[in-house]
């Protein structure tokens, strides 16, 4: 079964280091039945364009400005990302939501800007440990989806991937209450996500929307997670920094 395997390198590696990464994954991805996306830092997108454009591996940015252009020093626009050949952009990642206090209103604007510029969106949603322990997870995720996708047309959902990344499952050593996520947990939340898409859009949209899981996916658990038929793939963080480890996951046939 074909899966979507996404690498989020976060703020790691230099452009020169990424050159070897890109060449390696381009070679090792050959023959894989899966769809593979690599999202490096902005500074690496030119390298990605050079070494991944003619390969099986697609690439995208990790974030972008909600604005089209203007006096926003230090920001990167959707048009800039698209001009470097990127197909995707990650929006609403927990790092950005939590560390930079990004709101759902801003995320919604980013999604609209990305789609208007021909980029496909990887929208991250997920709850904190506090939200989970207060048994508010489902309501929290529903609201994120409603706010983030407000004003989006149903046909635009073809260019949206939803990544469920429970924040509490990303660092499993921070709380004794956090013993890692189970496939039952994942299936339940995918069901919640699809149901909310059905409510806000249609049954057809709910069935077609691509949903992946992100949350400490590594060599020790990827087979178990990807055996879950309710999800369409995985968003990988730390493990994706090791191109050989990422290649193992990317080449697996499920």
C-alpha atoms as a PDB file:
ATOM      1  CA  UNK A   1       0.000   0.000   0.000  1.00  0.00           C
ATOM      2  CA  UNK A   2       1.415   3.373  -1.057  1.00  0.00           C
ATOM      3  CA  UNK A   3       2.174   5.788   1.793  1.00  0.00           C
ATOM      4  CA  UNK A   4       3.229   9.428   2.072  1.00  0.00           C
ATOM      5  CA  UNK A   5       6.593   9.822   3.812  1.00  0.00           C
ATOM      6  CA  UNK A   6       7.520  13.391   4.801  1.00  0.00           C
ATOM      7  CA  UNK A   7      10.818  14.613   6.271  1.00  0.00           C
ATOM      8  CA  UNK A   8      10.898  17.802   8.348  1.00  0.00           C
ATOM      9  CA  UNK A   9      14.567  18.661   8.887  1.00  0.00           C
ATOM     10  CA  UNK A  10      13.707  21.709  11.024  1.00  0.00           C
ATOM     11  CA  UNK A  11      16.626  24.117  11.649  1.00  0.00           C
ATOM     12  CA  UNK A  12      19.350  21.559  11.052  1.00  0.00           C
ATOM     13  CA  UNK A  13      22.187  21.103   8.531  1.00  0.00           C
ATOM     14  CA  UNK A  14      23.796  23.706   6.296  1.00  0.00           C
ATOM     15  CA  UNK A  15      23.106  24.048   2.562  1.00  0.00           C
ATOM     16  CA  UNK A  16      26.421  22.340   1.790  1.00  0.00           C
ATOM     17  CA  UNK A  17      25.564  19.456   4.132  1.00  0.00           C
ATOM     18  CA  UNK A  18      22.125  19.169   2.586  1.00  0.00           C
ATOM     19  CA  UNK A  19      23.660  18.691  -0.855  1.00  0.00           C
ATOM     20  CA  UNK A  20      24.862  15.222   0.133  1.00  0.00           C
ATOM     21  CA  UNK A  21      21.515  14.513   1.834  1.00  0.00           C
ATOM     22  CA  UNK A  22      19.599  15.440  -1.307  1.00  0.00           C
ATOM     23  CA  UNK A  23      21.805  13.370  -3.591  1.00  0.00           C
ATOM     24  CA  UNK A  24      21.545  10.381  -1.245  1.00  0.00           C
ATOM     25  CA  UNK A  25      17.774  10.415  -0.854  1.00  0.00           C
ATOM     26  CA  UNK A  26      17.313  10.993  -4.593  1.00  0.00           C
ATOM     27  CA  UNK A  27      19.314   7.834  -5.265  1.00  0.00           C
ATOM     28  CA  UNK A  28      17.839   5.707  -2.482  1.00  0.00           C
ATOM     29  CA  UNK A  29      14.265   6.709  -3.306  1.00  0.00           C
ATOM     30  CA  UNK A  30      14.465   5.011  -6.679  1.00  0.00           C
ATOM     31  CA  UNK A  31      12.149   2.036  -6.767  1.00  0.00           C
ATOM     32  CA  UNK A  32      10.119   3.156  -3.770  1.00  0.00           C
ATOM     33  CA  UNK A  33       6.367   2.820  -4.187  1.00  0.00           C
ATOM     34  CA  UNK A  34       5.756   5.607  -1.687  1.00  0.00           C
ATOM     35  CA  UNK A  35       5.400   9.352  -2.208  1.00  0.00           C
ATOM     36  CA  UNK A  36       8.365  11.110  -0.585  1.00  0.00           C
ATOM     37  CA  UNK A  37       8.588  14.766   0.454  1.00  0.00           C
ATOM     38  CA  UNK A  38      11.579  16.498   2.050  1.00  0.00           C
ATOM     39  CA  UNK A  39      11.138  19.858   3.787  1.00  0.00           C
ATOM     40  CA  UNK A  40      14.504  21.495   4.535  1.00  0.00           C
ATOM     41  CA  UNK A  41      15.171  25.065   5.772  1.00  0.00           C
ATOM     42  CA  UNK A  42      14.575  27.956   3.347  1.00  0.00           C
ATOM     43  CA  UNK A  43      18.297  28.300   2.637  1.00  0.00           C
ATOM     44  CA  UNK A  44      18.372  24.765   1.225  1.00  0.00           C
ATOM     45  CA  UNK A  45      15.572  25.094  -1.313  1.00  0.00           C
ATOM     46  CA  UNK A  46      17.973  26.068  -4.113  1.00  0.00           C
ATOM     47  CA  UNK A  47      19.969  22.910  -3.403  1.00  0.00           C
ATOM     48  CA  UNK A  48      16.761  20.891  -3.401  1.00  0.00           C
ATOM     49  CA  UNK A  49      15.825  22.386  -6.757  1.00  0.00           C
ATOM     50  CA  UNK A  50      19.196  21.377  -8.194  1.00  0.00           C
ATOM     51  CA  UNK A  51      19.306  17.821  -6.902  1.00  0.00           C
ATOM     52  CA  UNK A  52      15.695  16.762  -6.348  1.00  0.00           C
ATOM     53  CA  UNK A  53      13.782  18.338  -9.241  1.00  0.00           C
ATOM     54  CA  UNK A  54      14.408  15.441 -11.592  1.00  0.00           C
ATOM     55  CA  UNK A  55      14.057  12.767  -8.904  1.00  0.00           C
ATOM     56  CA  UNK A  56      11.159  10.899  -7.327  1.00  0.00           C
ATOM     57  CA  UNK A  57      11.469  13.101  -4.233  1.00  0.00           C
ATOM     58  CA  UNK A  58       9.300  16.230  -3.946  1.00  0.00           C
ATOM     59  CA  UNK A  59      10.273  19.042  -1.629  1.00  0.00           C
ATOM     60  CA  UNK A  60       8.745  21.916   0.285  1.00  0.00           C
ATOM     61  CA  UNK A  61       9.338  24.703   2.772  1.00  0.00           C
ATOM     62  CA  UNK A  62       8.846  24.449   6.528  1.00  0.00           C
ATOM     63  CA  UNK A  63       6.883  27.678   6.782  1.00  0.00           C
ATOM     64  CA  UNK A  64       6.087  30.907   4.899  1.00  0.00           C
ATOM     65  CA  UNK A  65       4.698  34.373   5.413  1.00  0.00           C
ATOM     66  CA  UNK A  66       0.971  34.997   5.393  1.00  0.00           C
ATOM     67  CA  UNK A  67       1.662  38.107   3.325  1.00  0.00           C
ATOM     68  CA  UNK A  68       2.108  38.155  -0.437  1.00  0.00           C
ATOM     69  CA  UNK A  69       4.926  40.745  -0.417  1.00  0.00           C
ATOM     70  CA  UNK A  70       5.925  44.059   1.145  1.00  0.00           C
ATOM     71  CA  UNK A  71       7.829  45.475   4.100  1.00  0.00           C
ATOM     72  CA  UNK A  72       8.211  42.279   6.097  1.00  0.00           C
ATOM     73  CA  UNK A  73      11.955  42.059   6.638  1.00  0.00           C
ATOM     74  CA  UNK A  74      13.186  38.529   7.217  1.00  0.00           C
ATOM     75  CA  UNK A  75      10.016  36.866   5.931  1.00  0.00           C
ATOM     76  CA  UNK A  76       9.733  34.515   2.956  1.00  0.00           C
ATOM     77  CA  UNK A  77       6.703  34.629   0.675  1.00  0.00           C
ATOM     78  CA  UNK A  78       4.793  31.820  -0.980  1.00  0.00           C
ATOM     79  CA  UNK A  79       5.825  33.167  -4.374  1.00  0.00           C
ATOM     80  CA  UNK A  80       9.516  32.922  -3.394  1.00  0.00           C
ATOM     81  CA  UNK A  81       9.052  29.343  -2.231  1.00  0.00           C
ATOM     82  CA  UNK A  82       7.172  28.402  -5.392  1.00  0.00           C
ATOM     83  CA  UNK A  83       9.798  30.025  -7.626  1.00  0.00           C
ATOM     84  CA  UNK A  84      12.405  27.658  -6.185  1.00  0.00           C
ATOM     85  CA  UNK A  85      10.392  24.695  -7.416  1.00  0.00           C
ATOM     86  CA  UNK A  86       8.869  23.692  -4.077  1.00  0.00           C
ATOM     87  CA  UNK A  87       5.503  21.954  -4.244  1.00  0.00           C
ATOM     88  CA  UNK A  88       4.669  21.973  -0.540  1.00  0.00           C
ATOM     89  CA  UNK A  89       4.786  24.098   2.584  1.00  0.00           C
ATOM     90  CA  UNK A  90       4.299  23.065   6.212  1.00  0.00           C
ATOM     91  CA  UNK A  91       1.841  25.332   8.037  1.00  0.00           C
ATOM     92  CA  UNK A  92       0.897  25.330  11.715  1.00  0.00           C
ATOM     93  CA  UNK A  93       3.704  23.098  12.978  1.00  0.00           C
ATOM     94  CA  UNK A  94       3.692  22.789  16.771  1.00  0.00           C
ATOM     95  CA  UNK A  95       7.131  24.440  16.961  1.00  0.00           C
ATOM     96  CA  UNK A  96       5.730  27.562  15.324  1.00  0.00           C
ATOM     97  CA  UNK A  97       2.410  27.491  17.162  1.00  0.00           C
ATOM     98  CA  UNK A  98       4.004  27.083  20.582  1.00  0.00           C
ATOM     99  CA  UNK A  99       7.381  28.836  20.394  1.00  0.00           C
ATOM    100  CA  UNK A 100       6.300  31.748  18.211  1.00  0.00           C
ATOM    101  CA  UNK A 101       2.680  31.961  19.394  1.00  0.00           C
ATOM    102  CA  UNK A 102       1.219  31.614  15.909  1.00  0.00           C
ATOM    103  CA  UNK A 103      -2.567  31.813  15.951  1.00  0.00           C
ATOM    104  CA  UNK A 104      -5.114  29.858  13.957  1.00  0.00           C
ATOM    105  CA  UNK A 105      -6.140  33.126  12.305  1.00  0.00           C
ATOM    106  CA  UNK A 106      -2.612  33.564  10.945  1.00  0.00           C
ATOM    107  CA  UNK A 107      -2.446  29.916   9.942  1.00  0.00           C
ATOM    108  CA  UNK A 108      -5.706  30.287   8.042  1.00  0.00           C
ATOM    109  CA  UNK A 109      -4.303  33.282   6.152  1.00  0.00           C
ATOM    110  CA  UNK A 110      -1.110  31.356   5.357  1.00  0.00           C
ATOM    111  CA  UNK A 111      -3.102  28.450   3.951  1.00  0.00           C
ATOM    112  CA  UNK A 112      -5.103  30.747   1.692  1.00  0.00           C
ATOM    113  CA  UNK A 113      -1.942  32.497   0.518  1.00  0.00           C
ATOM    114  CA  UNK A 114      -0.164  29.206  -0.137  1.00  0.00           C
ATOM    115  CA  UNK A 115      -3.053  27.767  -2.125  1.00  0.00           C
ATOM    116  CA  UNK A 116      -3.421  30.979  -4.137  1.00  0.00           C
ATOM    117  CA  UNK A 117       0.219  30.635  -5.149  1.00  0.00           C
ATOM    118  CA  UNK A 118      -0.045  27.007  -6.211  1.00  0.00           C
ATOM    119  CA  UNK A 119       1.547  25.417  -3.161  1.00  0.00           C
ATOM    120  CA  UNK A 120       0.197  22.299  -1.473  1.00  0.00           C
ATOM    121  CA  UNK A 121      -0.230  22.640   2.282  1.00  0.00           C
ATOM    122  CA  UNK A 122       0.824  20.238   5.021  1.00  0.00           C
ATOM    123  CA  UNK A 123      -1.359  21.481   7.898  1.00  0.00           C
ATOM    124  CA  UNK A 124      -0.267  20.360  11.359  1.00  0.00           C
ATOM    125  CA  UNK A 125      -2.786  20.011  14.173  1.00  0.00           C
ATOM    126  CA  UNK A 126      -2.307  18.492  17.598  1.00  0.00           C
ATOM    127  CA  UNK A 127      -2.922  18.845  21.309  1.00  0.00           C
ATOM    128  CA  UNK A 128      -0.679  19.399  24.325  1.00  0.00           C
ATOM    129  CA  UNK A 129      -0.374  16.992  27.240  1.00  0.00           C
ATOM    130  CA  UNK A 130      -2.442  19.386  29.368  1.00  0.00           C
ATOM    131  CA  UNK A 131      -5.256  19.334  26.809  1.00  0.00           C
ATOM    132  CA  UNK A 132      -5.071  15.540  26.601  1.00  0.00           C
ATOM    133  CA  UNK A 133      -5.181  15.099  30.383  1.00  0.00           C
ATOM    134  CA  UNK A 134      -8.162  17.446  30.666  1.00  0.00           C
ATOM    135  CA  UNK A 135      -9.943  15.243  28.098  1.00  0.00           C
ATOM    136  CA  UNK A 136     -10.435  18.138  25.694  1.00  0.00           C
ATOM    137  CA  UNK A 137      -8.450  16.660  22.791  1.00  0.00           C
ATOM    138  CA  UNK A 138     -11.301  16.068  20.381  1.00  0.00           C
ATOM    139  CA  UNK A 139     -12.866  19.498  20.863  1.00  0.00           C
ATOM    140  CA  UNK A 140      -9.445  21.108  20.573  1.00  0.00           C
ATOM    141  CA  UNK A 141      -8.622  19.372  17.274  1.00  0.00           C
ATOM    142  CA  UNK A 142     -12.061  20.112  15.854  1.00  0.00           C
ATOM    143  CA  UNK A 143     -11.613  23.815  16.599  1.00  0.00           C
ATOM    144  CA  UNK A 144      -8.135  23.875  15.071  1.00  0.00           C
ATOM    145  CA  UNK A 145      -9.467  22.337  11.862  1.00  0.00           C
ATOM    146  CA  UNK A 146     -12.486  24.658  11.751  1.00  0.00           C
ATOM    147  CA  UNK A 147     -10.392  27.801  12.339  1.00  0.00           C
ATOM    148  CA  UNK A 148      -7.488  26.801  10.100  1.00  0.00           C
ATOM    149  CA  UNK A 149      -9.673  25.819   7.143  1.00  0.00           C
ATOM    150  CA  UNK A 150     -12.233  28.602   7.481  1.00  0.00           C
ATOM    151  CA  UNK A 151     -13.158  29.979   4.070  1.00  0.00           C
ATOM    152  CA  UNK A 152     -11.350  27.219   2.149  1.00  0.00           C
ATOM    153  CA  UNK A 153     -13.283  25.780  -0.789  1.00  0.00           C
ATOM    154  CA  UNK A 154     -13.859  22.042  -0.905  1.00  0.00           C
ATOM    155  CA  UNK A 155     -11.977  21.599  -4.172  1.00  0.00           C
ATOM    156  CA  UNK A 156      -8.927  23.222  -2.537  1.00  0.00           C
ATOM    157  CA  UNK A 157      -8.749  20.374  -0.026  1.00  0.00           C
ATOM    158  CA  UNK A 158      -7.147  18.305  -2.778  1.00  0.00           C
ATOM    159  CA  UNK A 159      -4.048  20.415  -2.082  1.00  0.00           C
ATOM    160  CA  UNK A 160      -4.203  20.034   1.709  1.00  0.00           C
ATOM    161  CA  UNK A 161      -2.623  17.288   3.810  1.00  0.00           C
ATOM    162  CA  UNK A 162      -3.510  17.168   7.497  1.00  0.00           C
ATOM    163  CA  UNK A 163      -0.731  16.029   9.804  1.00  0.00           C
ATOM    164  CA  UNK A 164      -1.888  14.977  13.254  1.00  0.00           C
ATOM    165  CA  UNK A 165       1.049  15.613  15.586  1.00  0.00           C
ATOM    166  CA  UNK A 166       0.120  15.335  19.265  1.00  0.00           C
ATOM    167  CA  UNK A 167       2.609  17.568  21.067  1.00  0.00           C
ATOM    168  CA  UNK A 168       2.620  15.296  24.109  1.00  0.00           C
ATOM    169  CA  UNK A 169       3.874  12.375  22.017  1.00  0.00           C
ATOM    170  CA  UNK A 170       6.823  14.226  20.507  1.00  0.00           C
ATOM    171  CA  UNK A 171       8.973  14.115  23.657  1.00  0.00           C
ATOM    172  CA  UNK A 172       8.139  10.906  25.478  1.00  0.00           C
ATOM    173  CA  UNK A 173      10.531  11.507  28.388  1.00  0.00           C
ATOM    174  CA  UNK A 174       8.858  14.642  29.751  1.00  0.00           C
ATOM    175  CA  UNK A 175       6.010  13.126  31.705  1.00  0.00           C
ATOM    176  CA  UNK A 176       5.293   9.863  33.420  1.00  0.00           C
ATOM    177  CA  UNK A 177       1.770  10.237  32.080  1.00  0.00           C
ATOM    178  CA  UNK A 178       3.119  10.095  28.552  1.00  0.00           C
ATOM    179  CA  UNK A 179       3.880   6.515  27.552  1.00  0.00           C
ATOM    180  CA  UNK A 180       3.708   7.139  23.841  1.00  0.00           C
ATOM    181  CA  UNK A 181       0.807   6.983  21.459  1.00  0.00           C
ATOM    182  CA  UNK A 182      -0.984   3.802  20.440  1.00  0.00           C
ATOM    183  CA  UNK A 183      -2.492   2.863  17.099  1.00  0.00           C
ATOM    184  CA  UNK A 184      -5.872   3.005  18.816  1.00  0.00           C
ATOM    185  CA  UNK A 185      -5.185   6.650  19.766  1.00  0.00           C
ATOM    186  CA  UNK A 186      -4.126   7.464  16.216  1.00  0.00           C
ATOM    187  CA  UNK A 187      -7.129   5.778  14.635  1.00  0.00           C
ATOM    188  CA  UNK A 188      -9.502   7.601  16.964  1.00  0.00           C
ATOM    189  CA  UNK A 189      -8.039  10.997  16.150  1.00  0.00           C
ATOM    190  CA  UNK A 190      -7.996  10.327  12.404  1.00  0.00           C
ATOM    191  CA  UNK A 191     -11.679   9.448  12.755  1.00  0.00           C
ATOM    192  CA  UNK A 192     -12.276  12.765  14.553  1.00  0.00           C
ATOM    193  CA  UNK A 193     -10.408  14.685  11.845  1.00  0.00           C
ATOM    194  CA  UNK A 194     -12.284  13.027   8.997  1.00  0.00           C
ATOM    195  CA  UNK A 195     -15.615  13.526  10.760  1.00  0.00           C
ATOM    196  CA  UNK A 196     -14.931  17.230  11.160  1.00  0.00           C
ATOM    197  CA  UNK A 197     -14.017  17.509   7.476  1.00  0.00           C
ATOM    198  CA  UNK A 198     -17.315  15.760   6.702  1.00  0.00           C
ATOM    199  CA  UNK A 199     -19.224  18.246   8.855  1.00  0.00           C
ATOM    200  CA  UNK A 200     -17.513  21.297   7.414  1.00  0.00           C
ATOM    201  CA  UNK A 201     -17.312  20.114   3.793  1.00  0.00           C
ATOM    202  CA  UNK A 202     -18.768  16.749   2.692  1.00  0.00           C
ATOM    203  CA  UNK A 203     -18.552  12.981   3.054  1.00  0.00           C
ATOM    204  CA  UNK A 204     -16.609  12.854  -0.206  1.00  0.00           C
ATOM    205  CA  UNK A 205     -14.064  15.371   1.101  1.00  0.00           C
ATOM    206  CA  UNK A 206     -13.749  13.415   4.340  1.00  0.00           C
ATOM    207  CA  UNK A 207     -12.865  10.240   2.482  1.00  0.00           C
ATOM    208  CA  UNK A 208     -10.445  11.932   0.098  1.00  0.00           C
ATOM    209  CA  UNK A 209      -8.493  14.132   2.527  1.00  0.00           C
ATOM    210  CA  UNK A 210      -4.962  12.895   3.162  1.00  0.00           C
ATOM    211  CA  UNK A 211      -4.148  12.432   6.863  1.00  0.00           C
ATOM    212  CA  UNK A 212      -0.666  11.593   8.132  1.00  0.00           C
ATOM    213  CA  UNK A 213       0.719  11.086  11.617  1.00  0.00           C
ATOM    214  CA  UNK A 214       3.672  12.952  13.131  1.00  0.00           C
ATOM    215  CA  UNK A 215       4.994  12.387  16.623  1.00  0.00           C
ATOM    216  CA  UNK A 216       8.353  10.733  17.367  1.00  0.00           C
ATOM    217  CA  UNK A 217       8.220   8.438  14.340  1.00  0.00           C
ATOM    218  CA  UNK A 218      11.463   6.458  14.173  1.00  0.00           C
ATOM    219  CA  UNK A 219      13.017   3.174  13.133  1.00  0.00           C
ATOM    220  CA  UNK A 220      11.717   1.533  16.297  1.00  0.00           C
ATOM    221  CA  UNK A 221       8.042   2.220  15.628  1.00  0.00           C
ATOM    222  CA  UNK A 222       7.412   3.228  12.001  1.00  0.00           C
ATOM    223  CA  UNK A 223       6.264  -0.216  10.880  1.00  0.00           C
ATOM    224  CA  UNK A 224       3.717  -0.420  13.668  1.00  0.00           C
ATOM    225  CA  UNK A 225       2.445   3.094  12.976  1.00  0.00           C
ATOM    226  CA  UNK A 226       2.275   2.631   9.211  1.00  0.00           C
ATOM    227  CA  UNK A 227       0.487  -0.675   9.588  1.00  0.00           C
ATOM    228  CA  UNK A 228      -2.447   1.454  10.717  1.00  0.00           C
ATOM    229  CA  UNK A 229      -4.709   1.586   7.680  1.00  0.00           C
ATOM    230  CA  UNK A 230      -6.464   4.712   8.926  1.00  0.00           C
ATOM    231  CA  UNK A 231      -3.457   6.916   8.118  1.00  0.00           C
ATOM    232  CA  UNK A 232      -1.958   7.769   4.762  1.00  0.00           C
ATOM    233  CA  UNK A 233       1.616   8.315   5.898  1.00  0.00           C
ATOM    234  CA  UNK A 234       3.952   9.934   8.410  1.00  0.00           C
ATOM    235  CA  UNK A 235       5.638  13.266   9.109  1.00  0.00           C
ATOM    236  CA  UNK A 236       9.106  12.513  10.467  1.00  0.00           C
ATOM    237  CA  UNK A 237      11.225  14.931  12.496  1.00  0.00           C
ATOM    238  CA  UNK A 238      14.451  13.908  14.252  1.00  0.00           C
ATOM    239  CA  UNK A 239      14.847  10.546  12.510  1.00  0.00           C
ATOM    240  CA  UNK A 240      14.731  12.235   9.105  1.00  0.00           C
ATOM    241  CA  UNK A 241      18.044  13.958   9.870  1.00  0.00           C
ATOM    242  CA  UNK A 242      19.719  10.586   9.285  1.00  0.00           C
ATOM    243  CA  UNK A 243      19.262  10.176   5.558  1.00  0.00           C
ATOM    244  CA  UNK A 244      19.964   6.445   5.733  1.00  0.00           C
ATOM    245  CA  UNK A 245      17.308   5.932   8.417  1.00  0.00           C
ATOM    246  CA  UNK A 246      14.840   8.098   6.526  1.00  0.00           C
ATOM    247  CA  UNK A 247      15.556   6.125   3.362  1.00  0.00           C
ATOM    248  CA  UNK A 248      14.722   2.862   5.119  1.00  0.00           C
ATOM    249  CA  UNK A 249      11.290   4.201   6.012  1.00  0.00           C
ATOM    250  CA  UNK A 250      10.794   5.806   2.608  1.00  0.00           C
ATOM    251  CA  UNK A 251      11.569   2.569   0.769  1.00  0.00           C
ATOM    252  CA  UNK A 252       9.400   0.299   2.913  1.00  0.00           C
ATOM    253  CA  UNK A 253       6.468  -1.224   1.070  1.00  0.00           C
ATOM    254  CA  UNK A 254       3.387  -1.450   3.263  1.00  0.00           C
END
